[in-house]
Amino acid sequence: MDEVVDRVIHTFGMMRNLDEAGLREARESVDNYIATLSSAGETDPKRLAVFGLAYLRNREDGTPPGLTGC
């Protein structure tokens, strides 16, 4: 799963101007999230990367209007 986390952090880092501390925090957070998804049975690396990126974007920007999270 390290490759998935690396891919997510690389992509997110290109989208945002984060310092080393911000990238470290994002890596730790998305690593935990990906581990949770993996333990729930999701194994596709591409899907995990998409979910991880969406998770970080939502964490930074908040929930988009009209999205209930259900």
PDB file of N, CA and C in Angstrom:
ATOM      1  N   MET A   1       0.805  -1.197   0.000  1.00  0.00           N
ATOM      2  CA  MET A   1       0.000   0.000   0.000  1.00  0.00           C
ATOM      3  C   MET A   1       0.855   1.270   0.000  1.00  0.00           C
ATOM      4  N   ASP A   2       2.145   1.117   0.255  1.00  0.00           N
ATOM      5  CA  ASP A   2       3.022   2.290   0.245  1.00  0.00           C
ATOM      6  C   ASP A   2       3.020   2.992  -1.113  1.00  0.00           C
ATOM      7  N   GLU A   3       2.945   2.196  -2.209  1.00  0.00           N
ATOM      8  CA  GLU A   3       2.924   2.801  -3.547  1.00  0.00           C
ATOM      9  C   GLU A   3       1.669   3.647  -3.745  1.00  0.00           C
ATOM     10  N   VAL A   4       0.556   3.171  -3.202  1.00  0.00           N
ATOM     11  CA  VAL A   4      -0.698   3.920  -3.318  1.00  0.00           C
ATOM     12  C   VAL A   4      -0.579   5.235  -2.561  1.00  0.00           C
ATOM     13  N   VAL A   5      -0.077   5.178  -1.348  1.00  0.00           N
ATOM     14  CA  VAL A   5       0.078   6.394  -0.542  1.00  0.00           C
ATOM     15  C   VAL A   5       1.044   7.353  -1.225  1.00  0.00           C
ATOM     16  N   ASP A   6       2.146   6.833  -1.761  1.00  0.00           N
ATOM     17  CA  ASP A   6       3.106   7.687  -2.471  1.00  0.00           C
ATOM     18  C   ASP A   6       2.452   8.382  -3.654  1.00  0.00           C
ATOM     19  N   ARG A   7       1.640   7.639  -4.403  1.00  0.00           N
ATOM     20  CA  ARG A   7       0.954   8.213  -5.562  1.00  0.00           C
ATOM     21  C   ARG A   7      -0.007   9.317  -5.135  1.00  0.00           C
ATOM     22  N   VAL A   8      -0.759   9.064  -4.080  1.00  0.00           N
ATOM     23  CA  VAL A   8      -1.719  10.061  -3.594  1.00  0.00           C
ATOM     24  C   VAL A   8      -0.989  11.322  -3.118  1.00  0.00           C
ATOM     25  N   ILE A   9       0.058  11.152  -2.343  1.00  0.00           N
ATOM     26  CA  ILE A   9       0.796  12.310  -1.812  1.00  0.00           C
ATOM     27  C   ILE A   9       1.466  13.089  -2.942  1.00  0.00           C
ATOM     28  N   HIS A  10       2.029  12.392  -3.913  1.00  0.00           N
ATOM     29  CA  HIS A  10       2.655  13.068  -5.054  1.00  0.00           C
ATOM     30  C   HIS A  10       1.626  13.913  -5.797  1.00  0.00           C
ATOM     31  N   THR A  11       0.470  13.317  -6.102  1.00  0.00           N
ATOM     32  CA  THR A  11      -0.579  14.033  -6.831  1.00  0.00           C
ATOM     33  C   THR A  11      -1.118  15.192  -6.013  1.00  0.00           C
ATOM     34  N   PHE A  12      -1.383  14.945  -4.739  1.00  0.00           N
ATOM     35  CA  PHE A  12      -1.913  15.999  -3.872  1.00  0.00           C
ATOM     36  C   PHE A  12      -0.899  17.131  -3.716  1.00  0.00           C
ATOM     37  N   GLY A  13       0.380  16.767  -3.619  1.00  0.00           N
ATOM     38  CA  GLY A  13       1.434  17.778  -3.513  1.00  0.00           C
ATOM     39  C   GLY A  13       1.508  18.674  -4.736  1.00  0.00           C
ATOM     40  N   MET A  14       1.180  18.139  -5.907  1.00  0.00           N
ATOM     41  CA  MET A  14       1.166  18.953  -7.128  1.00  0.00           C
ATOM     42  C   MET A  14      -0.041  19.886  -7.152  1.00  0.00           C
ATOM     43  N   MET A  15      -1.115  19.482  -6.474  1.00  0.00           N
ATOM     44  CA  MET A  15      -2.333  20.284  -6.463  1.00  0.00           C
ATOM     45  C   MET A  15      -2.294  21.388  -5.412  1.00  0.00           C
ATOM     46  N   ARG A  16      -1.557  21.152  -4.359  1.00  0.00           N
ATOM     47  CA  ARG A  16      -1.508  22.088  -3.234  1.00  0.00           C
ATOM     48  C   ARG A  16      -0.072  22.513  -2.968  1.00  0.00           C
ATOM     49  N   ASN A  17       0.075  23.649  -2.406  1.00  0.00           N
ATOM     50  CA  ASN A  17       1.399  24.138  -2.038  1.00  0.00           C
ATOM     51  C   ASN A  17       1.593  23.872  -0.546  1.00  0.00           C
ATOM     52  N   LEU A  18       2.010  22.649  -0.217  1.00  0.00           N
ATOM     53  CA  LEU A  18       2.178  22.253   1.176  1.00  0.00           C
ATOM     54  C   LEU A  18       3.651  22.189   1.543  1.00  0.00           C
ATOM     55  N   ASP A  19       3.969  22.598   2.752  1.00  0.00           N
ATOM     56  CA  ASP A  19       5.331  22.456   3.233  1.00  0.00           C
ATOM     57  C   ASP A  19       5.549  21.013   3.703  1.00  0.00           C
ATOM     58  N   GLU A  20       6.757  20.709   4.144  1.00  0.00           N
ATOM     59  CA  GLU A  20       7.095  19.350   4.571  1.00  0.00           C
ATOM     60  C   GLU A  20       6.187  18.854   5.699  1.00  0.00           C
ATOM     61  N   ALA A  21       5.877  19.731   6.648  1.00  0.00           N
ATOM     62  CA  ALA A  21       5.015  19.336   7.764  1.00  0.00           C
ATOM     63  C   ALA A  21       3.604  19.003   7.259  1.00  0.00           C
ATOM     64  N   GLY A  22       3.108  19.797   6.322  1.00  0.00           N
ATOM     65  CA  GLY A  22       1.787  19.538   5.760  1.00  0.00           C
ATOM     66  C   GLY A  22       1.741  18.236   4.984  1.00  0.00           C
ATOM     67  N   LEU A  23       2.799  17.968   4.231  1.00  0.00           N
ATOM     68  CA  LEU A  23       2.870  16.709   3.488  1.00  0.00           C
ATOM     69  C   LEU A  23       2.991  15.516   4.423  1.00  0.00           C
ATOM     70  N   ARG A  24       3.742  15.673   5.503  1.00  0.00           N
ATOM     71  CA  ARG A  24       3.879  14.595   6.490  1.00  0.00           C
ATOM     72  C   ARG A  24       2.531  14.281   7.123  1.00  0.00           C
ATOM     73  N   GLU A  25       1.815  15.331   7.501  1.00  0.00           N
ATOM     74  CA  GLU A  25       0.491  15.146   8.112  1.00  0.00           C
ATOM     75  C   GLU A  25      -0.477  14.503   7.129  1.00  0.00           C
ATOM     76  N   ALA A  26      -0.448  14.970   5.878  1.00  0.00           N
ATOM     77  CA  ALA A  26      -1.323  14.394   4.857  1.00  0.00           C
ATOM     78  C   ALA A  26      -0.979  12.926   4.627  1.00  0.00           C
ATOM     79  N   ARG A  27       0.312  12.592   4.596  1.00  0.00           N
ATOM     80  CA  ARG A  27       0.740  11.205   4.387  1.00  0.00           C
ATOM     81  C   ARG A  27       0.239  10.308   5.518  1.00  0.00           C
ATOM     82  N   GLU A  28       0.389  10.775   6.748  1.00  0.00           N
ATOM     83  CA  GLU A  28      -0.064   9.979   7.893  1.00  0.00           C
ATOM     84  C   GLU A  28      -1.573   9.768   7.846  1.00  0.00           C
ATOM     85  N   SER A  29      -2.293  10.825   7.525  1.00  0.00           N
ATOM     86  CA  SER A  29      -3.747  10.757   7.487  1.00  0.00           C
ATOM     87  C   SER A  29      -4.225   9.821   6.379  1.00  0.00           C
ATOM     88  N   VAL A  30      -3.679   9.969   5.164  1.00  0.00           N
ATOM     89  CA  VAL A  30      -4.126   9.138   4.054  1.00  0.00           C
ATOM     90  C   VAL A  30      -3.648   7.698   4.222  1.00  0.00           C
ATOM     91  N   ASP A  31      -2.514   7.501   4.872  1.00  0.00           N
ATOM     92  CA  ASP A  31      -2.040   6.143   5.145  1.00  0.00           C
ATOM     93  C   ASP A  31      -3.042   5.401   6.030  1.00  0.00           C
ATOM     94  N   ASN A  32      -3.531   6.074   7.063  1.00  0.00           N
ATOM     95  CA  ASN A  32      -4.546   5.470   7.938  1.00  0.00           C
ATOM     96  C   ASN A  32      -5.840   5.198   7.179  1.00  0.00           C
ATOM     97  N   TYR A  33      -6.232   6.121   6.326  1.00  0.00           N
ATOM     98  CA  TYR A  33      -7.463   5.973   5.555  1.00  0.00           C
ATOM     99  C   TYR A  33      -7.366   4.799   4.579  1.00  0.00           C
ATOM    100  N   ILE A  34      -6.251   4.717   3.861  1.00  0.00           N
ATOM    101  CA  ILE A  34      -6.041   3.621   2.909  1.00  0.00           C
ATOM    102  C   ILE A  34      -5.999   2.277   3.647  1.00  0.00           C
ATOM    103  N   ALA A  35      -5.375   2.257   4.817  1.00  0.00           N
ATOM    104  CA  ALA A  35      -5.330   1.021   5.601  1.00  0.00           C
ATOM    105  C   ALA A  35      -6.737   0.591   6.001  1.00  0.00           C
ATOM    106  N   THR A  36      -7.580   1.539   6.352  1.00  0.00           N
ATOM    107  CA  THR A  36      -8.965   1.235   6.711  1.00  0.00           C
ATOM    108  C   THR A  36      -9.724   0.663   5.517  1.00  0.00           C
ATOM    109  N   LEU A  37      -9.564   1.300   4.360  1.00  0.00           N
ATOM    110  CA  LEU A  37     -10.233   0.798   3.167  1.00  0.00           C
ATOM    111  C   LEU A  37      -9.735  -0.598   2.804  1.00  0.00           C
ATOM    112  N   SER A  38      -8.440  -0.811   2.932  1.00  0.00           N
ATOM    113  CA  SER A  38      -7.857  -2.119   2.622  1.00  0.00           C
ATOM    114  C   SER A  38      -8.382  -3.194   3.561  1.00  0.00           C
ATOM    115  N   SER A  39      -8.473  -2.858   4.832  1.00  0.00           N
ATOM    116  CA  SER A  39      -8.962  -3.837   5.794  1.00  0.00           C
ATOM    117  C   SER A  39     -10.444  -4.147   5.581  1.00  0.00           C
ATOM    118  N   ALA A  40     -11.146  -3.228   4.901  1.00  0.00           N
ATOM    119  CA  ALA A  40     -12.557  -3.449   4.596  1.00  0.00           C
ATOM    120  C   ALA A  40     -12.737  -4.226   3.295  1.00  0.00           C
ATOM    121  N   GLY A  41     -11.610  -4.551   2.630  1.00  0.00           N
ATOM    122  CA  GLY A  41     -11.696  -5.396   1.446  1.00  0.00           C
ATOM    123  C   GLY A  41     -11.372  -4.741   0.121  1.00  0.00           C
ATOM    124  N   GLU A  42     -11.141  -3.433   0.097  1.00  0.00           N
ATOM    125  CA  GLU A  42     -10.786  -2.767  -1.163  1.00  0.00           C
ATOM    126  C   GLU A  42      -9.315  -3.035  -1.461  1.00  0.00           C
ATOM    127  N   THR A  43      -9.030  -3.626  -2.624  1.00  0.00           N
ATOM    128  CA  THR A  43      -7.651  -3.993  -2.946  1.00  0.00           C
ATOM    129  C   THR A  43      -7.139  -3.377  -4.241  1.00  0.00           C
ATOM    130  N   ASP A  44      -7.995  -2.768  -5.031  1.00  0.00           N
ATOM    131  CA  ASP A  44      -7.580  -2.190  -6.302  1.00  0.00           C
ATOM    132  C   ASP A  44      -6.761  -0.923  -6.059  1.00  0.00           C
ATOM    133  N   PRO A  45      -5.476  -0.912  -6.449  1.00  0.00           N
ATOM    134  CA  PRO A  45      -4.612   0.253  -6.187  1.00  0.00           C
ATOM    135  C   PRO A  45      -5.114   1.543  -6.834  1.00  0.00           C
ATOM    136  N   LYS A  46      -5.700   1.451  -8.024  1.00  0.00           N
ATOM    137  CA  LYS A  46      -6.199   2.660  -8.682  1.00  0.00           C
ATOM    138  C   LYS A  46      -7.388   3.240  -7.933  1.00  0.00           C
ATOM    139  N   ARG A  47      -8.286   2.377  -7.509  1.00  0.00           N
ATOM    140  CA  ARG A  47      -9.448   2.855  -6.731  1.00  0.00           C
ATOM    141  C   ARG A  47      -9.003   3.434  -5.396  1.00  0.00           C
ATOM    142  N   LEU A  48      -8.059   2.761  -4.750  1.00  0.00           N
ATOM    143  CA  LEU A  48      -7.554   3.272  -3.470  1.00  0.00           C
ATOM    144  C   LEU A  48      -6.916   4.644  -3.643  1.00  0.00           C
ATOM    145  N   ALA A  49      -6.189   4.842  -4.731  1.00  0.00           N
ATOM    146  CA  ALA A  49      -5.563   6.143  -4.983  1.00  0.00           C
ATOM    147  C   ALA A  49      -6.616   7.223  -5.196  1.00  0.00           C
ATOM    148  N   VAL A  50      -7.655   6.898  -5.956  1.00  0.00           N
ATOM    149  CA  VAL A  50      -8.737   7.865  -6.191  1.00  0.00           C
ATOM    150  C   VAL A  50      -9.436   8.200  -4.879  1.00  0.00           C
ATOM    151  N   PHE A  51      -9.744   7.169  -4.091  1.00  0.00           N
ATOM    152  CA  PHE A  51     -10.398   7.402  -2.801  1.00  0.00           C
ATOM    153  C   PHE A  51      -9.505   8.228  -1.868  1.00  0.00           C
ATOM    154  N   GLY A  52      -8.215   7.917  -1.860  1.00  0.00           N
ATOM    155  CA  GLY A  52      -7.277   8.643  -1.002  1.00  0.00           C
ATOM    156  C   GLY A  52      -7.177  10.105  -1.384  1.00  0.00           C
ATOM    157  N   LEU A  53      -7.117  10.375  -2.678  1.00  0.00           N
ATOM    158  CA  LEU A  53      -7.047  11.757  -3.133  1.00  0.00           C
ATOM    159  C   LEU A  53      -8.326  12.514  -2.795  1.00  0.00           C
ATOM    160  N   ALA A  54      -9.463  11.868  -3.002  1.00  0.00           N
ATOM    161  CA  ALA A  54     -10.743  12.501  -2.649  1.00  0.00           C
ATOM    162  C   ALA A  54     -10.813  12.773  -1.150  1.00  0.00           C
ATOM    163  N   TYR A  55     -10.305  11.843  -0.365  1.00  0.00           N
ATOM    164  CA  TYR A  55     -10.288  12.017   1.089  1.00  0.00           C
ATOM    165  C   TYR A  55      -9.476  13.246   1.477  1.00  0.00           C
ATOM    166  N   LEU A  56      -8.275  13.390   0.906  1.00  0.00           N
ATOM    167  CA  LEU A  56      -7.437  14.547   1.248  1.00  0.00           C
ATOM    168  C   LEU A  56      -8.062  15.853   0.773  1.00  0.00           C
ATOM    169  N   ARG A  57      -8.637  15.839  -0.413  1.00  0.00           N
ATOM    170  CA  ARG A  57      -9.276  17.057  -0.910  1.00  0.00           C
ATOM    171  C   ARG A  57     -10.443  17.449  -0.021  1.00  0.00           C
ATOM    172  N   ASN A  58     -11.237  16.473   0.393  1.00  0.00           N
ATOM    173  CA  ASN A  58     -12.368  16.749   1.272  1.00  0.00           C
ATOM    174  C   ASN A  58     -11.879  17.246   2.627  1.00  0.00           C
ATOM    175  N   ARG A  59     -10.801  16.668   3.102  1.00  0.00           N
ATOM    176  CA  ARG A  59     -10.233  17.078   4.393  1.00  0.00           C
ATOM    177  C   ARG A  59      -9.752  18.529   4.346  1.00  0.00           C
ATOM    178  N   GLU A  60      -9.171  18.929   3.234  1.00  0.00           N
ATOM    179  CA  GLU A  60      -8.664  20.294   3.086  1.00  0.00           C
ATOM    180  C   GLU A  60      -9.769  21.307   2.784  1.00  0.00           C
ATOM    181  N   ASP A  61     -10.696  20.919   1.895  1.00  0.00           N
ATOM    182  CA  ASP A  61     -11.693  21.871   1.395  1.00  0.00           C
ATOM    183  C   ASP A  61     -13.038  21.783   2.087  1.00  0.00           C
ATOM    184  N   GLY A  62     -13.272  20.705   2.813  1.00  0.00           N
ATOM    185  CA  GLY A  62     -14.581  20.492   3.403  1.00  0.00           C
ATOM    186  C   GLY A  62     -15.479  19.742   2.449  1.00  0.00           C
ATOM    187  N   THR A  63     -16.617  19.367   2.905  1.00  0.00           N
ATOM    188  CA  THR A  63     -17.583  18.619   2.102  1.00  0.00           C
ATOM    189  C   THR A  63     -18.202  19.538   1.067  1.00  0.00           C
ATOM    190  N   PRO A  64     -18.234  19.100  -0.201  1.00  0.00           N
ATOM    191  CA  PRO A  64     -18.870  19.927  -1.225  1.00  0.00           C
ATOM    192  C   PRO A  64     -20.353  20.138  -0.921  1.00  0.00           C
ATOM    193  N   PRO A  65     -20.894  21.311  -1.299  1.00  0.00           N
ATOM    194  CA  PRO A  65     -22.318  21.560  -1.071  1.00  0.00           C
ATOM    195  C   PRO A  65     -23.177  20.509  -1.743  1.00  0.00           C
ATOM    196  N   GLY A  66     -24.203  20.066  -1.052  1.00  0.00           N
ATOM    197  CA  GLY A  66     -25.129  19.101  -1.604  1.00  0.00           C
ATOM    198  C   GLY A  66     -24.715  17.650  -1.365  1.00  0.00           C
ATOM    199  N   LEU A  67     -23.510  17.425  -0.848  1.00  0.00           N
ATOM    200  CA  LEU A  67     -23.062  16.064  -0.576  1.00  0.00           C
ATOM    201  C   LEU A  67     -23.334  15.751   0.889  1.00  0.00           C
ATOM    202  N   THR A  68     -24.097  14.709   1.102  1.00  0.00           N
ATOM    203  CA  THR A  68     -24.477  14.384   2.476  1.00  0.00           C
ATOM    204  C   THR A  68     -23.493  13.459   3.143  1.00  0.00           C
ATOM    205  N   GLY A  69     -22.663  12.769   2.350  1.00  0.00           N
ATOM    206  CA  GLY A  69     -21.717  11.825   2.931  1.00  0.00           C
ATOM    207  C   GLY A  69     -22.306  10.453   3.168  1.00  0.00           C
ATOM    208  N   CYS A  70     -23.558  10.258   2.765  1.00  0.00           N
ATOM    209  CA  CYS A  70     -24.224   8.962   2.910  1.00  0.00           C
ATOM    210  C   CYS A  70     -23.980   8.092   1.718  1.00  0.00           C
TER     211      CYS A  70
END
